[in-house]
N, C-alpha and C. Protein backbone atom coordinates (compact mmCIF):
# COMPACT_ATOMS: atom_id res chain seq x y z
N MET A 1 3.01 21.35 -22.62
CA MET A 1 2.07 21.04 -21.55
C MET A 1 2.70 20.10 -20.52
N ASP A 2 3.52 19.16 -20.98
CA ASP A 2 4.17 18.23 -20.06
C ASP A 2 5.13 18.95 -19.12
N ILE A 3 5.80 19.98 -19.63
CA ILE A 3 6.73 20.73 -18.78
C ILE A 3 5.97 21.47 -17.69
N ILE A 4 4.84 22.08 -18.05
CA ILE A 4 4.03 22.80 -17.05
C ILE A 4 3.51 21.82 -16.00
N LEU A 5 3.03 20.65 -16.44
CA LEU A 5 2.54 19.65 -15.49
C LEU A 5 3.66 19.19 -14.56
N GLY A 6 4.85 19.00 -15.11
CA GLY A 6 5.98 18.58 -14.30
C GLY A 6 6.35 19.62 -13.25
N TRP A 7 6.37 20.89 -13.63
CA TRP A 7 6.67 21.94 -12.66
C TRP A 7 5.55 22.08 -11.63
N GLY A 8 4.30 21.79 -12.05
CA GLY A 8 3.20 21.85 -11.10
C GLY A 8 3.35 20.81 -10.00
N ILE A 9 3.71 19.60 -10.38
CA ILE A 9 3.92 18.54 -9.40
C ILE A 9 5.12 18.86 -8.53
N LEU A 10 6.19 19.35 -9.15
CA LEU A 10 7.37 19.75 -8.39
C LEU A 10 7.04 20.87 -7.41
N GLY A 11 6.21 21.80 -7.85
CA GLY A 11 5.78 22.90 -6.97
C GLY A 11 5.00 22.38 -5.77
N TRP A 12 4.09 21.42 -6.00
CA TRP A 12 3.33 20.83 -4.90
C TRP A 12 4.26 20.14 -3.91
N ILE A 13 5.27 19.45 -4.42
CA ILE A 13 6.21 18.75 -3.55
C ILE A 13 7.01 19.74 -2.71
N ILE A 14 7.54 20.78 -3.35
CA ILE A 14 8.33 21.78 -2.62
C ILE A 14 7.45 22.53 -1.63
N PHE A 15 6.30 23.01 -2.09
CA PHE A 15 5.37 23.76 -1.25
C PHE A 15 4.89 22.90 -0.07
N GLY A 16 4.54 21.65 -0.35
CA GLY A 16 4.09 20.74 0.70
C GLY A 16 5.20 20.44 1.70
N GLY A 17 6.44 20.27 1.20
CA GLY A 17 7.55 20.01 2.10
C GLY A 17 7.82 21.16 3.05
N ILE A 18 7.76 22.37 2.53
CA ILE A 18 7.98 23.55 3.39
C ILE A 18 6.86 23.68 4.41
N ALA A 19 5.61 23.57 3.96
CA ALA A 19 4.46 23.69 4.87
C ALA A 19 4.48 22.58 5.93
N GLY A 20 4.78 21.36 5.51
CA GLY A 20 4.83 20.24 6.46
C GLY A 20 5.96 20.39 7.47
N TRP A 21 7.10 20.91 7.00
CA TRP A 21 8.24 21.11 7.90
C TRP A 21 7.92 22.19 8.94
N ILE A 22 7.34 23.31 8.50
CA ILE A 22 6.98 24.38 9.44
C ILE A 22 5.95 23.88 10.45
N ALA A 23 4.94 23.15 9.96
CA ALA A 23 3.92 22.61 10.87
C ALA A 23 4.52 21.61 11.85
N SER A 24 5.48 20.80 11.40
CA SER A 24 6.10 19.84 12.32
C SER A 24 6.94 20.55 13.37
N LYS A 25 7.51 21.69 13.04
CA LYS A 25 8.23 22.49 14.04
C LYS A 25 7.26 23.07 15.05
N ILE A 26 6.13 23.59 14.57
CA ILE A 26 5.12 24.17 15.45
C ILE A 26 4.54 23.10 16.39
N MET A 27 4.27 21.92 15.85
CA MET A 27 3.63 20.85 16.63
C MET A 27 4.63 19.93 17.33
N SER A 28 5.91 20.24 17.27
CA SER A 28 6.98 19.47 17.93
C SER A 28 7.02 18.01 17.49
N THR A 29 6.84 17.77 16.21
CA THR A 29 6.92 16.40 15.68
C THR A 29 8.04 16.26 14.66
N ASP A 30 8.91 17.25 14.57
CA ASP A 30 9.94 17.26 13.54
C ASP A 30 10.92 16.10 13.70
N ALA A 31 11.23 15.73 14.92
CA ALA A 31 12.19 14.64 15.15
C ALA A 31 11.62 13.29 14.71
N GLN A 32 10.31 13.16 14.63
CA GLN A 32 9.67 11.90 14.27
C GLN A 32 9.40 11.79 12.78
N GLN A 33 9.57 12.88 12.03
CA GLN A 33 9.22 12.92 10.63
C GLN A 33 10.46 13.10 9.76
N GLY A 34 10.43 12.51 8.60
CA GLY A 34 11.46 12.76 7.61
C GLY A 34 10.91 13.69 6.54
N ILE A 35 11.71 13.91 5.51
CA ILE A 35 11.29 14.83 4.46
C ILE A 35 10.07 14.30 3.69
N GLY A 36 10.00 12.99 3.51
CA GLY A 36 8.86 12.41 2.81
C GLY A 36 7.56 12.64 3.54
N LEU A 37 7.57 12.42 4.84
CA LEU A 37 6.36 12.64 5.63
C LEU A 37 6.02 14.12 5.72
N ASN A 38 7.02 14.99 5.77
CA ASN A 38 6.76 16.42 5.75
C ASN A 38 6.03 16.82 4.47
N ILE A 39 6.45 16.27 3.34
CA ILE A 39 5.81 16.58 2.06
C ILE A 39 4.36 16.11 2.07
N VAL A 40 4.14 14.88 2.50
CA VAL A 40 2.78 14.33 2.54
C VAL A 40 1.89 15.13 3.49
N VAL A 41 2.41 15.43 4.67
CA VAL A 41 1.64 16.21 5.65
C VAL A 41 1.32 17.60 5.10
N GLY A 42 2.28 18.22 4.41
CA GLY A 42 2.05 19.55 3.86
C GLY A 42 1.01 19.55 2.75
N ILE A 43 1.05 18.56 1.86
CA ILE A 43 0.08 18.50 0.77
C ILE A 43 -1.31 18.20 1.30
N ILE A 44 -1.43 17.21 2.17
CA ILE A 44 -2.73 16.89 2.77
C ILE A 44 -3.20 18.07 3.63
N GLY A 45 -2.27 18.71 4.32
CA GLY A 45 -2.62 19.88 5.13
C GLY A 45 -3.17 21.02 4.29
N GLY A 46 -2.62 21.21 3.09
CA GLY A 46 -3.14 22.25 2.20
C GLY A 46 -4.58 21.97 1.80
N LEU A 47 -4.86 20.72 1.48
CA LEU A 47 -6.22 20.35 1.13
C LEU A 47 -7.16 20.47 2.34
N LEU A 48 -6.70 20.01 3.50
CA LEU A 48 -7.51 20.08 4.71
C LEU A 48 -7.75 21.53 5.14
N GLY A 49 -6.70 22.34 5.09
CA GLY A 49 -6.84 23.75 5.47
C GLY A 49 -7.78 24.49 4.54
N GLY A 50 -7.69 24.23 3.24
CA GLY A 50 -8.61 24.85 2.30
C GLY A 50 -10.05 24.45 2.54
N TRP A 51 -10.25 23.17 2.87
CA TRP A 51 -11.59 22.68 3.15
C TRP A 51 -12.16 23.34 4.41
N VAL A 52 -11.35 23.40 5.48
CA VAL A 52 -11.80 24.00 6.74
C VAL A 52 -12.14 25.48 6.55
N LEU A 53 -11.26 26.21 5.87
CA LEU A 53 -11.51 27.63 5.66
C LEU A 53 -12.73 27.87 4.77
N SER A 54 -12.96 27.00 3.79
CA SER A 54 -14.15 27.15 2.95
C SER A 54 -15.42 26.88 3.75
N LEU A 55 -15.35 25.97 4.73
CA LEU A 55 -16.50 25.74 5.61
C LEU A 55 -16.81 26.97 6.46
N LEU A 56 -15.76 27.74 6.78
CA LEU A 56 -15.93 28.96 7.57
C LEU A 56 -16.30 30.16 6.71
N GLY A 57 -16.45 29.95 5.40
CA GLY A 57 -16.86 31.01 4.50
C GLY A 57 -15.73 31.86 3.94
N VAL A 58 -14.49 31.43 4.11
CA VAL A 58 -13.34 32.17 3.60
C VAL A 58 -13.11 31.79 2.15
N ASP A 59 -12.92 32.80 1.29
CA ASP A 59 -12.63 32.54 -0.13
C ASP A 59 -11.16 32.17 -0.26
N VAL A 60 -10.89 30.89 -0.42
CA VAL A 60 -9.51 30.41 -0.47
C VAL A 60 -8.94 30.42 -1.88
N ALA A 61 -9.76 30.62 -2.88
CA ALA A 61 -9.29 30.52 -4.26
C ALA A 61 -8.41 31.69 -4.67
N GLY A 62 -8.70 32.89 -4.22
CA GLY A 62 -7.95 34.06 -4.68
C GLY A 62 -7.03 34.64 -3.64
N GLY A 63 -6.53 33.83 -2.74
CA GLY A 63 -5.75 34.35 -1.62
C GLY A 63 -4.30 34.67 -1.91
N GLY A 64 -3.73 34.08 -2.93
CA GLY A 64 -2.33 34.33 -3.25
C GLY A 64 -1.40 33.32 -2.59
N LEU A 65 -0.12 33.48 -2.85
CA LEU A 65 0.89 32.52 -2.41
C LEU A 65 1.06 32.48 -0.89
N ILE A 66 1.13 33.63 -0.25
CA ILE A 66 1.33 33.67 1.21
C ILE A 66 0.11 33.09 1.91
N PHE A 67 -1.10 33.46 1.46
CA PHE A 67 -2.31 32.91 2.06
C PHE A 67 -2.38 31.40 1.87
N SER A 68 -1.96 30.93 0.70
CA SER A 68 -1.95 29.49 0.45
C SER A 68 -0.98 28.78 1.38
N MET A 69 0.19 29.37 1.61
CA MET A 69 1.16 28.76 2.52
C MET A 69 0.61 28.71 3.95
N LEU A 70 -0.01 29.81 4.38
CA LEU A 70 -0.59 29.83 5.73
C LEU A 70 -1.74 28.83 5.86
N THR A 71 -2.51 28.68 4.79
CA THR A 71 -3.59 27.69 4.78
C THR A 71 -3.03 26.27 4.89
N ALA A 72 -1.97 26.00 4.14
CA ALA A 72 -1.35 24.66 4.19
C ALA A 72 -0.74 24.39 5.56
N ILE A 73 -0.11 25.39 6.17
CA ILE A 73 0.46 25.21 7.50
C ILE A 73 -0.64 24.97 8.52
N LEU A 74 -1.73 25.73 8.44
CA LEU A 74 -2.86 25.54 9.35
C LEU A 74 -3.43 24.13 9.22
N GLY A 75 -3.65 23.70 7.99
CA GLY A 75 -4.18 22.35 7.76
C GLY A 75 -3.23 21.26 8.23
N ALA A 76 -1.93 21.47 8.01
CA ALA A 76 -0.93 20.48 8.46
C ALA A 76 -0.89 20.41 9.98
N CYS A 77 -1.03 21.54 10.65
CA CYS A 77 -1.06 21.54 12.12
C CYS A 77 -2.30 20.80 12.62
N ILE A 78 -3.44 21.03 11.97
CA ILE A 78 -4.67 20.31 12.34
C ILE A 78 -4.47 18.81 12.15
N LEU A 79 -3.87 18.43 11.03
CA LEU A 79 -3.62 17.01 10.75
C LEU A 79 -2.69 16.39 11.78
N LEU A 80 -1.59 17.07 12.10
CA LEU A 80 -0.65 16.54 13.10
C LEU A 80 -1.28 16.46 14.48
N PHE A 81 -2.12 17.44 14.83
CA PHE A 81 -2.82 17.41 16.11
C PHE A 81 -3.75 16.20 16.18
N ALA A 82 -4.47 15.96 15.09
CA ALA A 82 -5.41 14.82 15.05
C ALA A 82 -4.66 13.49 15.15
N VAL A 83 -3.54 13.38 14.44
CA VAL A 83 -2.76 12.15 14.49
C VAL A 83 -2.21 11.93 15.90
N LYS A 84 -1.70 12.99 16.54
CA LYS A 84 -1.20 12.86 17.91
C LYS A 84 -2.32 12.47 18.88
N ALA A 85 -3.52 13.03 18.68
CA ALA A 85 -4.63 12.72 19.57
C ALA A 85 -5.07 11.26 19.40
N ILE A 86 -5.09 10.79 18.16
CA ILE A 86 -5.52 9.41 17.91
C ILE A 86 -4.49 8.41 18.38
N SER A 87 -3.22 8.72 18.12
CA SER A 87 -2.17 7.76 18.50
C SER A 87 -1.82 7.82 19.98
N GLY A 88 -2.23 8.87 20.67
CA GLY A 88 -1.98 8.97 22.11
C GLY A 88 -0.60 9.46 22.47
N ARG A 89 0.17 9.96 21.50
CA ARG A 89 1.51 10.51 21.80
C ARG A 89 1.40 11.92 22.31
N ARG A 90 2.34 12.30 23.16
CA ARG A 90 2.35 13.67 23.67
C ARG A 90 3.57 14.39 23.25
């Protein structure tokens, strides 16, 4: 069980890093972020994207790996947009 839990956390880190990096490229914030922030943005973006899509009535539970990645990228872009709007950076 510990091995599965360890790979689960590692999977979240890798998945979050990729999603956060892609979102930072889309939102032009890649130069301001390091790998740690990309991971955090991607993980929070996955949660935010899933929440937003569930509010719109989309079944996010059975979407698969590609749908999950797109959801995380969407949520990360929303998060980066909100941070840029609040901080006043362009």
